[in-house]
C-alpha atoms as a PDB file:
ATOM      1  CA  MET A   1       4.081  -1.442  42.778  1.00  0.00           C
ATOM      2  CA  THR A   2       1.273   1.549  43.438  1.00  0.00           C
ATOM      3  CA  VAL A   3      -2.530   1.205  43.014  1.00  0.00           C
ATOM      4  CA  ASN A   4      -2.059   3.917  39.900  1.00  0.00           C
ATOM      5  CA  ASP A   5       0.345   1.536  38.327  1.00  0.00           C
ATOM      6  CA  ALA A   6      -1.971  -1.216  38.334  1.00  0.00           C
ATOM      7  CA  LEU A   7      -4.651   0.993  37.087  1.00  0.00           C
ATOM      8  CA  ASN A   8      -2.642   1.867  34.084  1.00  0.00           C
ATOM      9  CA  VAL A   9      -1.825  -0.829  33.591  1.00  0.00           C
ATOM     10  CA  VAL A  10      -5.444  -2.197  33.045  1.00  0.00           C
ATOM     11  CA  VAL A  11      -6.596   0.824  31.310  1.00  0.00           C
ATOM     12  CA  VAL A  12      -3.795  -0.134  28.692  1.00  0.00           C
ATOM     13  CA  ALA A  13      -4.699  -3.624  28.591  1.00  0.00           C
ATOM     14  CA  THR A  14      -8.671  -2.839  28.386  1.00  0.00           C
ATOM     15  CA  ALA A  15      -7.541   0.040  25.550  1.00  0.00           C
ATOM     16  CA  LEU A  16      -5.459  -2.481  23.554  1.00  0.00           C
ATOM     17  CA  ARG A  17      -8.663  -4.981  23.752  1.00  0.00           C
ATOM     18  CA  ALA A  18     -10.964  -2.617  22.498  1.00  0.00           C
ATOM     19  CA  PHE A  19      -9.248  -0.820  19.742  1.00  0.00           C
ATOM     20  CA  ALA A  20      -6.955  -3.743  18.820  1.00  0.00           C
ATOM     21  CA  PRO A  21      -9.254  -5.485  15.976  1.00  0.00           C
ATOM     22  CA  ASP A  22      -9.888  -1.646  14.636  1.00  0.00           C
ATOM     23  CA  VAL A  23      -6.391  -0.871  14.420  1.00  0.00           C
ATOM     24  CA  ARG A  24      -5.646  -4.605  12.714  1.00  0.00           C
ATOM     25  CA  THR A  25      -8.665  -4.005  10.181  1.00  0.00           C
ATOM     26  CA  LEU A  26      -7.320  -0.632   9.621  1.00  0.00           C
ATOM     27  CA  VAL A  27      -3.587  -1.852   8.978  1.00  0.00           C
ATOM     28  CA  ARG A  28      -4.818  -4.497   6.770  1.00  0.00           C
ATOM     29  CA  ARG A  29      -6.467  -2.811   4.156  1.00  0.00           C
ATOM     30  CA  ALA A  30      -3.888   0.422   4.464  1.00  0.00           C
ATOM     31  CA  LEU A  31      -1.689  -2.805   3.518  1.00  0.00           C
ATOM     32  CA  SER A  32      -4.068  -4.277   0.757  1.00  0.00           C
ATOM     33  CA  ALA A  33      -4.810  -0.596  -1.130  1.00  0.00           C
ATOM     34  CA  GLY A  34      -0.489  -0.310  -1.111  1.00  0.00           C
ATOM     35  CA  VAL A  35      -0.731  -3.787  -2.911  1.00  0.00           C
ATOM     36  CA  ARG A  36      -3.319  -2.879  -5.090  1.00  0.00           C
ATOM     37  CA  VAL A  37      -1.640   0.199  -6.216  1.00  0.00           C
ATOM     38  CA  GLY A  38       1.769  -1.286  -6.315  1.00  0.00           C
ATOM     39  CA  ALA A  39       0.266  -3.975  -8.869  1.00  0.00           C
ATOM     40  CA  ALA A  40      -1.552  -1.757 -10.759  1.00  0.00           C
ATOM     41  CA  ASP A  41       1.305   0.386 -11.483  1.00  0.00           C
ATOM     42  CA  LEU A  42       3.853  -2.757 -12.549  1.00  0.00           C
ATOM     43  CA  MET A  43       0.806  -3.914 -14.683  1.00  0.00           C
ATOM     44  CA  HIS A  44       0.854  -0.437 -16.224  1.00  0.00           C
ATOM     45  CA  ASP A  45       4.693  -0.694 -16.639  1.00  0.00           C
ATOM     46  CA  SER A  46       4.991  -4.122 -18.143  1.00  0.00           C
ATOM     47  CA  SER A  47       2.429  -3.756 -20.555  1.00  0.00           C
ATOM     48  CA  ALA A  48       3.827  -0.341 -21.744  1.00  0.00           C
ATOM     49  CA  ALA A  49       7.212  -2.650 -21.897  1.00  0.00           C
ATOM     50  CA  ILE A  50       5.681  -5.526 -24.210  1.00  0.00           C
ATOM     51  CA  ARG A  51       4.019  -3.256 -26.543  1.00  0.00           C
ATOM     52  CA  PRO A  52       5.998  -2.313 -29.555  1.00  0.00           C
ATOM     53  CA  THR A  53       6.360   2.033 -30.012  1.00  0.00           C
ATOM     54  CA  VAL A  54       5.406   3.469 -33.195  1.00  0.00           C
ATOM     55  CA  LEU A  55       7.220   6.677 -33.891  1.00  0.00           C
ATOM     56  CA  PRO A  56       5.407   8.929 -36.021  1.00  0.00           C
ATOM     57  CA  ARG A  57       6.659   9.415 -39.621  1.00  0.00           C
ATOM     58  CA  SER A  58       8.465  12.532 -38.525  1.00  0.00           C
ATOM     59  CA  MET A  59      10.788  10.735 -36.005  1.00  0.00           C
ATOM     60  CA  ARG A  60      11.395   8.082 -38.183  1.00  0.00           C
ATOM     61  CA  ASP A  61      14.693   7.541 -40.091  1.00  0.00           C
ATOM     62  CA  GLU A  62      14.069   7.708 -43.489  1.00  0.00           C
ATOM     63  CA  GLU A  63      16.607   6.309 -46.188  1.00  0.00           C
ATOM     64  CA  VAL A  64      17.465   8.398 -48.839  1.00  0.00           C
END
């Protein structure tokens, strides 16, 4: 292992230590935003399935 290799290891370790909290926060925000969008989409779909659909008079089958 040369001095350059050792310095590269130190640089990478320092960069990880410095930026890891920011990366963790960014990933958590992205995941929570995805969960919120997914939950909102599920809520929207399930509420549409629960509500009965009333057809306009022109589309109803009228008995003759």
